[in-house]
Amino acid sequence: MMKLPTESVRLDKRAREQLLRLKRFTGIEHWNVLARWAFCLSLRDSSLPPKALSDRTAGVEIAWRVFSGDHSAFYSALYWNWRHQTENQSGDDGDLVNRHIQRGLGIMDGMRLEHVEDLFTLGHTTKSN
């Protein structure tokens, strides 16, 4: 069994607001689905995601098993592959997962998505390093 990068995802207040906005525009009901999109989008970038600027106490906490659903091994493998490919071997794994999701949410929010279909164009419109 693959090691989980974290037991739970903890996002800050800004990420919570972004999730609410994205949920409203895309019609996607569950935050974990949007967080998965954000996570994958951020992992495309080999740079280290920035540290959260605000306190996480007013944000969102999602258990890893809820975030990943039936695909825990898949999302774990994506994360560990990013760590290996970027040779980023330092840092707290849980914190890095949180930071990836927050960076991805920022990208998604900045694109001003208006419909769920807009999520499918993300891979074609964002630049990967």
Protein backbone atom coordinates (compact mmCIF):
# COMPACT_ATOMS: atom_id res chain seq x y z
CA MET A 1 0.00 0.00 0.00
CA MET A 2 1.28 3.45 -0.95
CA LYS A 3 2.09 5.91 1.81
CA LEU A 4 -0.45 8.72 2.07
CA PRO A 5 1.05 12.20 1.83
CA THR A 6 -1.32 13.46 4.56
CA GLU A 7 -4.26 12.40 6.70
CA SER A 8 -6.24 15.55 5.93
CA VAL A 9 -6.20 18.59 3.70
CA ARG A 10 -6.35 21.94 5.51
CA LEU A 11 -7.06 24.99 3.39
CA ASP A 12 -7.12 28.62 4.45
CA LYS A 13 -10.00 31.11 4.44
CA ARG A 14 -9.09 32.43 1.00
CA ALA A 15 -9.19 28.91 -0.45
CA ARG A 16 -12.59 28.40 1.18
CA GLU A 17 -13.89 31.54 -0.53
CA GLN A 18 -12.44 30.36 -3.85
CA LEU A 19 -14.12 26.97 -3.42
CA LEU A 20 -17.45 28.67 -2.73
CA ARG A 21 -17.09 30.85 -5.84
CA LEU A 22 -16.01 27.93 -8.05
CA LYS A 23 -18.82 25.79 -6.70
CA ARG A 24 -21.34 28.48 -7.58
CA PHE A 25 -20.03 29.02 -11.12
CA THR A 26 -19.35 25.40 -12.06
CA GLY A 27 -22.31 23.82 -10.29
CA ILE A 28 -19.98 21.19 -8.80
CA GLU A 29 -21.56 20.36 -5.48
CA HIS A 30 -18.64 18.89 -3.53
CA TRP A 31 -15.49 20.76 -2.55
CA ASN A 32 -13.34 17.64 -2.75
CA VAL A 33 -13.99 17.38 -6.50
CA LEU A 34 -12.86 20.97 -7.06
CA ALA A 35 -9.88 20.39 -4.77
CA ARG A 36 -8.86 17.38 -6.91
CA TRP A 37 -8.91 19.52 -10.06
CA ALA A 38 -6.86 22.18 -8.28
CA PHE A 39 -4.36 19.62 -6.97
CA CYS A 40 -3.76 18.14 -10.41
CA LEU A 41 -3.52 21.56 -12.01
CA SER A 42 -0.88 22.68 -9.52
CA LEU A 43 1.15 19.48 -9.86
CA ARG A 44 1.73 20.35 -13.52
CA ASP A 45 4.04 23.11 -12.29
CA SER A 46 7.41 21.88 -11.08
CA SER A 47 7.97 24.91 -8.85
CA LEU A 48 7.32 24.87 -5.13
CA PRO A 49 3.83 26.25 -4.40
CA PRO A 50 3.86 29.39 -2.23
CA LYS A 51 3.15 29.25 1.47
CA ALA A 52 -0.36 30.15 2.59
CA LEU A 53 -0.62 33.73 3.70
CA SER A 54 -3.62 33.42 5.99
CA ASP A 55 -4.64 31.35 8.96
CA ARG A 56 -6.16 27.95 8.22
CA THR A 57 -8.49 27.98 11.24
CA ALA A 58 -11.29 29.72 9.31
CA GLY A 59 -10.85 27.57 6.23
CA VAL A 60 -11.74 24.05 5.22
CA GLU A 61 -10.56 20.65 6.41
CA ILE A 62 -11.12 17.60 4.22
CA ALA A 63 -10.01 14.12 5.26
CA TRP A 64 -7.62 12.59 2.70
CA ARG A 65 -10.03 9.68 2.15
CA VAL A 66 -12.78 12.17 1.26
CA PHE A 67 -10.47 14.28 -0.90
CA SER A 68 -9.19 11.27 -2.83
CA GLY A 69 -12.31 9.12 -2.75
CA ASP A 70 -11.75 5.67 -4.23
CA HIS A 71 -8.59 6.92 -5.94
CA SER A 72 -6.27 7.46 -2.98
CA ALA A 73 -3.44 5.48 -4.58
CA PHE A 74 -3.75 7.56 -7.76
CA TYR A 75 -3.60 10.96 -6.03
CA SER A 76 -0.83 9.75 -3.73
CA ALA A 77 1.17 8.53 -6.73
CA LEU A 78 0.71 11.88 -8.49
CA TYR A 79 2.07 13.65 -5.44
CA TRP A 80 5.03 11.31 -4.89
CA ASN A 81 5.86 11.48 -8.59
CA TRP A 82 5.93 15.31 -8.38
CA ARG A 83 8.27 15.06 -5.39
CA HIS A 84 10.54 12.67 -7.29
CA GLN A 85 10.48 14.56 -10.61
CA THR A 86 11.18 17.93 -9.01
CA GLU A 87 13.73 16.44 -6.64
CA ASN A 88 11.89 18.30 -3.92
CA GLN A 89 12.66 16.02 -1.03
CA SER A 90 12.30 18.47 1.82
CA GLY A 91 9.26 19.88 3.55
CA ASP A 92 6.15 18.63 5.25
CA ASP A 93 4.09 16.51 2.86
CA GLY A 94 0.74 17.58 4.31
CA ASP A 95 1.71 21.22 4.00
CA LEU A 96 2.85 20.73 0.40
CA VAL A 97 -0.44 19.02 -0.54
CA ASN A 98 -2.35 21.93 1.00
CA ARG A 99 -0.19 24.43 -0.85
CA HIS A 100 -0.69 22.62 -4.16
CA ILE A 101 -4.45 22.69 -3.76
CA GLN A 102 -4.41 26.35 -2.80
CA ARG A 103 -2.22 27.25 -5.80
CA GLY A 104 -4.51 25.29 -8.12
CA LEU A 105 -7.59 27.01 -6.69
CA GLY A 106 -5.93 30.36 -7.27
CA ILE A 107 -5.29 29.45 -10.91
CA MET A 108 -8.85 28.24 -11.38
CA ASP A 109 -10.32 31.28 -9.65
CA GLY A 110 -8.14 33.62 -11.68
CA MET A 111 -9.44 32.11 -14.91
CA ARG A 112 -12.98 33.16 -13.95
CA LEU A 113 -14.56 29.84 -14.79
CA GLU A 114 -18.23 30.24 -15.56
CA HIS A 115 -19.37 26.70 -16.35
CA VAL A 116 -18.34 23.18 -15.44
CA GLU A 117 -17.25 22.68 -19.05
CA ASP A 118 -14.57 25.32 -18.52
CA LEU A 119 -12.69 22.86 -16.30
CA PHE A 120 -11.99 20.69 -19.32
CA THR A 121 -10.10 23.50 -21.04
CA LEU A 122 -7.75 24.08 -18.11
CA GLY A 123 -5.16 21.62 -19.39
CA HIS A 124 -5.04 23.41 -22.72
CA THR A 125 -4.98 26.99 -21.51
CA THR A 126 -2.49 26.94 -18.65
CA LYS A 127 1.23 26.92 -19.11
CA SER A 128 3.19 24.19 -17.39
CA ASN A 129 6.82 24.66 -16.39
